[in-house]
Amino acid sequence: MDERKLYRDSGKENYDEEKDINLYIKLETLSKKFNKIKFIILTAFLAVIPLKLFFQYYIFPFLISIEWDNVPSVVFLILSIILAVIINYFFGKVIHWIPYYLVVNAENSLKAKKQERENFSFKHLNKKEKIIYTLLPDYYFALCYKEYIKNLNKVCKFHISGKCITDKDSICITEWDSIKIKVKYFIHISNWLNVMISCIFGIITVLFWGYNGWIIDLGFYILIARVFSRFMEISFAFYKDVVRVDDRVFTDGSGERYYIHRWRNSLILKSGRISLAIHSLIEVVILYSLVYYSISIYFFELNNKELNKLIGFNSEILTYLNFLFTSMAVTVMNFSYTNFPHISWSIGHLSQVLLSMILIVLSLASYLGLNNSLSERDNNFYNRVQEKSKE
């Protein structure tokens, strides 16, 4: 089916393309602001490492020996795990609610709150959904809010002309223009927020390096819950994006069917997909560096010589930087697998290798081979966006 004819038959002559252009420009401006915030937080994370080393070992060396009272008990362990799951749920909710709220309100939509209340209810979930909702909040809320965005446009505006072409969800093909723009920036901002959260975790770890206590223990359980949730979301999202080939069928009032192969639910182009994969790699490096550091403290006590042998460094003073370099090496496929002294380190190592393979071998390799050419219609849209931006 010729794309131009498909959009013409769907009532494109009545469609307000200017609305989509203004929406795209507004969200692009918003994303640039978030990009600056992301850069500032990432820079702060990289800057705090040498600063902490300088203050800790040259100005206030006694800080490394400070300890807080521990509260070791089975009750504390159970409460910590429960609290970690709740806090991780909060992170998953907020990280996806913020971009959802921003993208739908960029269109001055007053339906966002109502839509969220109508679509989400824990009571209406089945057992499988409740488990995913509780243990994998990042994956769950990513699906939910993308569905909310789609449902906001679940109204065909061209019934009057009798030329409305809709999919199985009763969404007109021209309404997908707005949905694709919103989903693009929802995914981008969510991706950047995840990197920011990981950097903040890293900053907190560096600042409290050498401290012990119940709050540090709780932080460890929050970190593990966070890594598990993000591991599942990244694995599912990128694997499905590369392996799965979607299609969509549209029908008109007369029953004629229009089939579109390799359908995309967002307006993310080749460069955007590569950017998402690279940002996720940065997040993986930071999160797993924190995992290795935490495991070395909470699961086994080794002296510097033994840890140096384990992580492949020869340094009298081990710092967070050593674990960061170890995580970088694993991420770029320098696996260095050995007989780790605890199974938790093996699990962390292998899961990071798996994520790295998904992001580098599958995703980046696939994205680099994508055809970057645009359809005539999309090319015209971007040209109009550029013209409008210069006004």
Protein backbone atom coordinates (compact mmCIF):
# COMPACT_ATOMS: atom_id res chain seq x y z
CA MET A 1 0.00 0.00 0.00
CA ASP A 2 1.41 3.39 -0.99
CA GLU A 3 2.01 5.39 2.18
CA ARG A 4 0.89 8.70 0.73
CA LYS A 5 -2.39 7.18 -0.45
CA LEU A 6 -2.90 5.53 2.93
CA TYR A 7 -2.63 8.86 4.78
CA ARG A 8 -4.71 10.65 2.17
CA ASP A 9 -7.48 8.06 2.50
CA SER A 10 -7.38 8.36 6.28
CA GLY A 11 -8.47 11.99 6.20
CA LYS A 12 -5.02 13.55 6.24
CA GLU A 13 -6.41 16.60 4.47
CA ASN A 14 -8.37 17.36 7.67
CA TYR A 15 -5.48 16.62 10.03
CA ASP A 16 -3.78 19.47 11.85
CA GLU A 17 -0.10 18.74 11.16
CA GLU A 18 0.85 22.08 12.67
CA LYS A 19 -0.15 20.66 16.06
CA ASP A 20 2.36 17.83 15.73
CA ILE A 21 5.10 20.19 14.61
CA ASN A 22 4.55 22.46 17.63
CA LEU A 23 4.43 19.40 19.91
CA TYR A 24 7.70 18.08 18.50
CA ILE A 25 9.47 21.45 18.91
CA LYS A 26 8.20 21.86 22.48
CA LEU A 27 9.30 18.35 23.51
CA GLU A 28 12.66 18.75 21.76
CA THR A 29 13.29 21.93 23.78
CA LEU A 30 12.26 20.10 26.96
CA SER A 31 14.56 17.16 26.19
CA LYS A 32 17.52 19.51 25.71
CA LYS A 33 16.95 20.87 29.23
CA PHE A 34 16.92 17.33 30.64
CA ASN A 35 20.05 16.57 28.65
CA LYS A 36 21.84 19.45 30.39
CA ILE A 37 20.69 18.24 33.81
CA LYS A 38 21.89 14.73 32.96
CA PHE A 39 25.30 16.12 31.93
CA ILE A 40 25.60 18.12 35.17
CA ILE A 41 24.78 15.08 37.36
CA LEU A 42 27.12 12.81 35.39
CA THR A 43 29.89 15.40 35.70
CA ALA A 44 29.24 15.68 39.45
CA PHE A 45 29.53 11.90 39.75
CA LEU A 46 32.88 11.87 37.92
CA ALA A 47 34.16 14.89 39.89
CA VAL A 48 33.23 13.59 43.35
CA ILE A 49 35.52 10.54 43.01
CA PRO A 50 38.89 12.42 42.95
CA LEU A 51 37.58 14.99 45.42
CA LYS A 52 36.63 12.29 47.93
CA LEU A 53 40.03 10.61 47.50
CA PHE A 54 41.79 13.89 48.17
CA PHE A 55 39.79 14.73 51.29
CA GLN A 56 39.71 11.18 52.61
CA TYR A 57 43.37 10.30 52.32
CA TYR A 58 45.11 13.63 52.53
CA ILE A 59 42.97 15.92 54.67
CA PHE A 60 40.62 13.81 56.79
CA PRO A 61 42.08 10.26 56.80
CA PHE A 62 40.20 9.42 60.02
CA LEU A 63 36.84 9.46 58.17
CA ILE A 64 37.44 6.01 56.74
CA SER A 65 37.35 4.43 60.20
CA ILE A 66 34.04 5.91 61.34
CA GLU A 67 31.33 3.29 61.93
CA TRP A 68 27.66 3.48 62.74
CA ASP A 69 25.90 1.02 64.98
CA ASN A 70 24.75 -2.08 63.16
CA VAL A 71 21.41 -3.71 63.85
CA PRO A 72 22.02 -7.27 62.65
CA SER A 73 18.97 -9.45 62.99
CA VAL A 74 16.57 -11.53 60.93
CA VAL A 75 13.83 -8.98 61.58
CA PHE A 76 16.04 -6.19 60.28
CA LEU A 77 16.90 -8.25 57.19
CA ILE A 78 13.22 -8.87 56.39
CA LEU A 79 12.24 -5.26 57.03
CA SER A 80 15.16 -4.02 54.91
CA ILE A 81 14.16 -6.19 51.96
CA ILE A 82 10.52 -5.08 52.19
CA LEU A 83 11.55 -1.43 52.45
CA ALA A 84 13.99 -1.82 49.55
CA VAL A 85 11.21 -3.25 47.35
CA ILE A 86 8.91 -0.34 48.29
CA ILE A 87 11.59 2.27 47.60
CA ASN A 88 12.49 0.61 44.31
CA TYR A 89 8.80 0.69 43.37
CA PHE A 90 8.83 4.42 44.14
CA PHE A 91 11.84 4.94 41.85
CA GLY A 92 10.17 2.99 39.04
CA LYS A 93 6.95 4.97 39.41
CA VAL A 94 8.55 8.43 39.56
CA ILE A 95 11.11 7.83 36.79
CA HIS A 96 8.32 6.95 34.36
CA TRP A 97 5.63 9.28 35.69
CA ILE A 98 7.77 12.41 35.20
CA PRO A 99 8.29 11.95 31.42
CA TYR A 100 4.68 10.79 31.01
CA TYR A 101 3.38 13.91 32.72
CA LEU A 102 5.70 16.18 30.71
CA VAL A 103 4.94 14.75 27.28
CA VAL A 104 1.16 14.65 27.65
CA ASN A 105 1.00 18.12 29.15
CA ALA A 106 3.22 19.53 26.42
CA GLU A 107 0.07 19.22 24.34
CA ASN A 108 -1.86 21.05 27.09
CA SER A 109 -3.80 17.86 27.73
CA LEU A 110 -5.99 17.96 30.83
CA LYS A 111 -6.80 14.26 30.48
CA ALA A 112 -3.50 12.87 31.79
CA LYS A 113 -4.45 12.58 35.45
CA LYS A 114 -7.90 11.24 34.68
CA GLN A 115 -6.45 8.75 32.20
CA GLU A 116 -3.97 7.47 34.79
CA ARG A 117 -6.66 7.03 37.44
CA GLU A 118 -9.00 5.24 35.04
CA ASN A 119 -6.40 2.82 33.69
CA PHE A 120 -4.46 1.85 36.79
CA SER A 121 -5.78 -0.08 39.74
CA PHE A 122 -3.81 -2.70 41.68
CA LYS A 123 -7.06 -4.53 42.46
CA HIS A 124 -7.72 -5.16 38.77
CA LEU A 125 -4.37 -6.85 38.14
CA ASN A 126 -4.08 -10.62 37.80
CA LYS A 127 -1.50 -12.59 39.81
CA LYS A 128 1.16 -12.43 37.10
CA GLU A 129 0.74 -8.66 36.71
CA LYS A 130 0.92 -8.15 40.48
CA ILE A 131 4.24 -9.99 40.64
CA ILE A 132 5.66 -7.93 37.77
CA TYR A 133 4.25 -4.75 39.31
CA THR A 134 5.91 -5.49 42.68
CA LEU A 135 9.28 -6.92 41.63
CA LEU A 136 9.82 -5.22 38.26
CA PRO A 137 8.35 -1.72 38.63
CA ASP A 138 10.58 -0.21 35.92
CA TYR A 139 9.40 -2.68 33.29
CA TYR A 140 5.79 -2.50 34.47
CA PHE A 141 5.49 1.29 34.54
CA ALA A 142 7.30 1.65 31.20
CA LEU A 143 4.59 -0.50 29.62
CA CYS A 144 1.78 1.21 31.55
CA TYR A 145 2.65 4.80 30.74
CA LYS A 146 3.28 4.07 27.07
CA GLU A 147 -0.16 2.50 27.01
CA TYR A 148 -1.64 5.58 28.74
CA ILE A 149 -0.06 7.82 26.10
CA LYS A 150 -1.58 5.68 23.36
CA ASN A 151 -5.02 5.65 24.99
CA LEU A 152 -5.11 9.45 25.16
CA ASN A 153 -5.33 9.42 21.36
CA LYS A 154 -7.86 6.61 21.17
CA VAL A 155 -10.41 8.80 19.40
CA CYS A 156 -10.81 9.01 15.66
CA LYS A 157 -11.46 12.56 14.47
CA PHE A 158 -12.44 11.78 10.92
CA HIS A 159 -15.67 9.83 11.19
CA ILE A 160 -17.49 12.79 9.67
CA SER A 161 -15.56 12.47 6.41
CA GLY A 162 -16.13 8.72 6.39
CA LYS A 163 -12.45 8.10 5.65
CA CYS A 164 -11.15 7.16 9.09
CA ILE A 165 -8.67 4.28 8.92
CA THR A 166 -8.08 2.72 12.34
CA ASP A 167 -6.13 -0.15 13.85
CA LYS A 168 -7.41 -2.84 16.23
CA ASP A 169 -7.27 -0.31 19.10
CA SER A 170 -9.54 2.12 17.20
CA ILE A 171 -6.69 4.60 16.77
CA CYS A 172 -6.62 6.50 13.50
CA ILE A 173 -3.35 6.22 11.59
CA THR A 174 -2.94 10.00 11.64
CA GLU A 175 -3.32 10.04 15.42
CA TRP A 176 -0.28 7.78 15.57
CA ASP A 177 1.79 10.81 14.52
CA SER A 178 1.22 12.45 17.91
CA ILE A 179 1.62 9.15 19.77
CA LYS A 180 4.98 8.40 18.14
CA ILE A 181 6.32 11.85 19.05
CA LYS A 182 5.20 11.52 22.68
CA VAL A 183 6.53 7.97 23.06
CA LYS A 184 9.89 9.04 21.60
CA TYR A 185 10.44 11.70 24.25
CA PHE A 186 8.93 9.55 26.99
CA ILE A 187 11.57 6.89 26.27
CA HIS A 188 14.42 9.40 25.97
CA ILE A 189 13.64 11.25 29.22
CA SER A 190 13.07 7.97 31.11
CA ASN A 191 16.43 6.73 29.85
CA TRP A 192 18.21 9.87 31.02
CA LEU A 193 16.48 9.84 34.40
CA ASN A 194 17.71 6.28 34.96
CA VAL A 195 21.28 7.41 34.25
CA MET A 196 20.83 10.32 36.69
CA ILE A 197 19.55 8.02 39.44
CA SER A 198 22.54 5.69 38.94
CA CYS A 199 24.93 8.66 39.16
CA ILE A 200 23.24 9.81 42.39
CA PHE A 201 23.65 6.27 43.80
CA GLY A 202 27.32 6.48 42.84
CA ILE A 203 27.79 9.90 44.45
CA ILE A 204 26.23 8.68 47.71
CA THR A 205 28.46 5.57 47.69
CA VAL A 206 31.61 7.62 47.14
CA LEU A 207 30.72 10.16 49.82
CA PHE A 208 29.98 7.46 52.41
CA TRP A 209 32.89 5.20 51.43
CA GLY A 210 34.25 3.38 54.48
CA TYR A 211 31.16 3.89 56.64
CA ASN A 212 29.20 1.03 58.13
CA GLY A 213 25.75 0.88 59.64
CA TRP A 214 22.12 -0.04 59.15
CA ILE A 215 21.48 2.75 56.63
CA ILE A 216 24.37 1.52 54.50
CA ASP A 217 22.98 -2.02 54.76
CA LEU A 218 19.57 -0.78 53.65
CA GLY A 219 21.24 1.00 50.73
CA PHE A 220 22.71 -2.32 49.64
CA TYR A 221 19.28 -3.98 49.45
CA ILE A 222 17.87 -0.98 47.56
CA LEU A 223 20.75 -1.25 45.10
CA ILE A 224 20.15 -4.97 44.50
CA ALA A 225 16.42 -4.38 43.95
CA ARG A 226 17.24 -1.53 41.59
CA VAL A 227 19.76 -3.54 39.57
CA PHE A 228 17.39 -6.50 39.27
CA SER A 229 14.53 -4.28 38.09
CA ARG A 230 16.68 -2.43 35.56
CA PHE A 231 18.30 -5.66 34.36
CA MET A 232 14.89 -7.03 33.42
CA GLU A 233 13.64 -3.80 31.80
CA ILE A 234 16.79 -3.28 29.71
CA SER A 235 16.89 -6.95 28.68
CA PHE A 236 13.25 -7.06 27.59
CA ALA A 237 13.20 -3.63 25.95
CA PHE A 238 16.33 -3.89 23.83
CA TYR A 239 15.97 -7.57 23.00
CA LYS A 240 12.40 -7.06 21.78
CA ASP A 241 13.38 -3.90 19.88
CA VAL A 242 16.05 -5.79 17.94
CA VAL A 243 14.52 -9.25 17.54
CA ARG A 244 10.80 -8.58 17.24
CA VAL A 245 9.42 -7.29 13.94
CA ASP A 246 6.04 -5.63 14.49
CA ASP A 247 3.33 -5.04 11.97
CA ARG A 248 -0.01 -3.26 12.13
CA VAL A 249 -3.22 -3.64 10.18
CA PHE A 250 -5.58 -0.72 9.58
CA THR A 251 -9.13 -0.97 8.27
CA ASP A 252 -11.52 1.60 6.90
CA GLY A 253 -15.29 1.86 7.06
CA SER A 254 -15.76 -0.37 4.02
CA GLY A 255 -13.69 -3.18 5.53
CA GLU A 256 -10.64 -2.68 3.32
CA ARG A 257 -7.44 -3.68 5.13
CA TYR A 258 -4.08 -1.89 5.02
CA TYR A 259 -1.00 -3.82 6.21
CA ILE A 260 2.19 -2.01 7.38
CA HIS A 261 5.32 -4.12 7.92
CA ARG A 262 8.05 -3.15 10.45
CA TRP A 263 5.74 -0.83 12.34
CA ARG A 264 7.33 1.39 15.01
CA ASN A 265 5.42 2.79 17.98
CA SER A 266 7.80 5.72 18.36
CA LEU A 267 9.57 8.27 16.17
CA ILE A 268 13.04 7.24 17.39
CA LEU A 269 15.47 7.16 14.50
CA LYS A 270 18.79 5.33 14.14
CA SER A 271 20.87 7.92 16.03
CA GLY A 272 18.31 8.02 18.84
CA ARG A 273 18.38 4.25 19.31
CA ILE A 274 22.18 4.25 19.41
CA SER A 275 22.07 7.02 22.02
CA LEU A 276 19.65 5.02 24.17
CA ALA A 277 21.93 1.97 24.06
CA ILE A 278 25.02 4.00 24.97
CA HIS A 279 23.26 5.70 27.90
CA SER A 280 22.09 2.30 29.13
CA LEU A 281 25.70 1.04 28.93
CA ILE A 282 26.81 3.97 31.09
CA GLU A 283 24.09 3.12 33.59
CA VAL A 284 25.13 -0.55 33.62
CA VAL A 285 28.79 0.38 34.28
CA ILE A 286 27.84 2.56 37.26
CA LEU A 287 25.29 0.19 38.78
CA TYR A 288 27.53 -2.88 38.59
CA SER A 289 30.53 -1.01 39.98
CA LEU A 290 28.36 -0.35 43.03
CA VAL A 291 27.30 -4.01 43.10
CA TYR A 292 30.93 -5.24 43.12
CA TYR A 293 31.87 -2.80 45.85
CA SER A 294 28.86 -3.74 47.96
CA ILE A 295 29.39 -7.48 47.52
CA SER A 296 33.04 -7.18 48.55
CA ILE A 297 31.86 -5.61 51.82
CA TYR A 298 28.68 -7.52 52.69
CA PHE A 299 29.41 -11.07 51.52
CA PHE A 300 33.08 -11.59 52.23
CA GLU A 301 35.88 -9.71 53.89
CA LEU A 302 39.12 -9.71 51.91
CA ASN A 303 42.31 -7.79 52.46
CA ASN A 304 43.60 -5.44 49.80
CA LYS A 305 45.95 -8.04 48.34
CA GLU A 306 43.13 -10.55 47.83
CA LEU A 307 40.80 -7.91 46.37
CA ASN A 308 43.55 -6.70 44.03
CA LYS A 309 43.91 -10.23 42.71
CA LEU A 310 40.14 -10.55 42.31
CA ILE A 311 39.53 -7.34 40.38
CA GLY A 312 42.83 -7.31 38.50
CA PHE A 313 44.49 -4.26 40.08
CA ASN A 314 47.67 -3.81 42.06
CA SER A 315 47.09 -0.92 44.41
CA GLU A 316 47.83 -0.38 48.08
CA ILE A 317 44.68 1.68 48.49
CA LEU A 318 41.46 0.31 46.97
CA THR A 319 38.87 2.92 46.10
CA TYR A 320 35.57 3.07 44.27
CA LEU A 321 37.59 3.88 41.15
CA ASN A 322 39.00 0.32 41.15
CA PHE A 323 35.50 -1.16 41.07
CA LEU A 324 34.42 1.35 38.40
CA PHE A 325 37.31 0.25 36.17
CA THR A 326 36.43 -3.39 36.79
CA SER A 327 32.84 -2.75 35.70
CA MET A 328 34.05 -0.89 32.60
CA ALA A 329 36.26 -3.84 31.64
CA VAL A 330 33.38 -6.32 31.94
CA THR A 331 31.06 -4.05 29.96
CA VAL A 332 33.44 -3.72 27.00
CA MET A 333 33.73 -7.53 26.84
CA ASN A 334 36.94 -8.01 28.85
CA PHE A 335 35.11 -10.68 30.82
CA SER A 336 38.04 -11.84 33.01
CA TYR A 337 35.93 -14.59 34.54
CA THR A 338 37.60 -16.52 37.35
CA ASN A 339 36.77 -18.51 40.47
CA PHE A 340 35.10 -15.82 42.52
CA PRO A 341 35.09 -16.31 46.32
CA HIS A 342 31.29 -15.94 46.50
CA ILE A 343 28.47 -16.95 44.14
CA SER A 344 26.94 -13.46 44.42
CA TRP A 345 29.94 -12.00 42.56
CA SER A 346 29.56 -14.69 39.86
CA ILE A 347 25.87 -13.84 39.45
CA GLY A 348 26.67 -10.13 39.19
CA HIS A 349 29.47 -10.75 36.70
CA LEU A 350 27.43 -13.03 34.44
CA SER A 351 24.35 -10.78 34.50
CA GLN A 352 26.50 -7.80 33.50
CA VAL A 353 28.05 -9.82 30.67
CA LEU A 354 24.57 -10.74 29.46
CA LEU A 355 23.39 -7.11 29.54
CA SER A 356 26.55 -5.98 27.74
CA MET A 357 25.97 -8.55 25.00
CA ILE A 358 22.36 -7.40 24.57
CA LEU A 359 23.38 -3.75 24.40
CA ILE A 360 26.55 -4.09 22.29
CA VAL A 361 26.39 -7.30 20.26
CA LEU A 362 22.63 -7.21 19.59
CA SER A 363 21.44 -3.62 19.93
CA LEU A 364 24.35 -1.40 18.85
CA ALA A 365 25.37 -3.74 16.05
CA SER A 366 21.77 -3.87 14.82
CA TYR A 367 21.22 -0.13 15.12
CA LEU A 368 24.42 0.69 13.22
CA GLY A 369 23.09 -1.40 10.34
CA LEU A 370 19.69 0.29 10.27
CA ASN A 371 18.59 2.10 7.17
CA ASN A 372 18.69 5.77 8.14
CA SER A 373 16.66 6.98 5.17
CA LEU A 374 13.30 8.58 5.91
CA SER A 375 10.03 8.15 4.10
CA GLU A 376 8.96 11.06 1.97
CA ARG A 377 6.29 11.98 4.47
CA ASP A 378 8.62 11.89 7.52
CA ASN A 379 11.27 13.81 5.61
CA ASN A 380 8.74 16.55 4.85
CA PHE A 381 7.69 16.60 8.50
CA TYR A 382 11.27 17.10 9.73
CA ASN A 383 11.87 19.80 7.12
CA ARG A 384 8.81 21.66 8.40
CA VAL A 385 10.03 21.24 11.98
CA GLN A 386 13.37 22.80 11.01
CA GLU A 387 11.64 25.69 9.25
CA LYS A 388 9.33 26.28 12.20
CA SER A 389 12.26 26.20 14.67
CA LYS A 390 14.03 28.95 12.79
CA GLU A 391 11.02 31.29 12.89
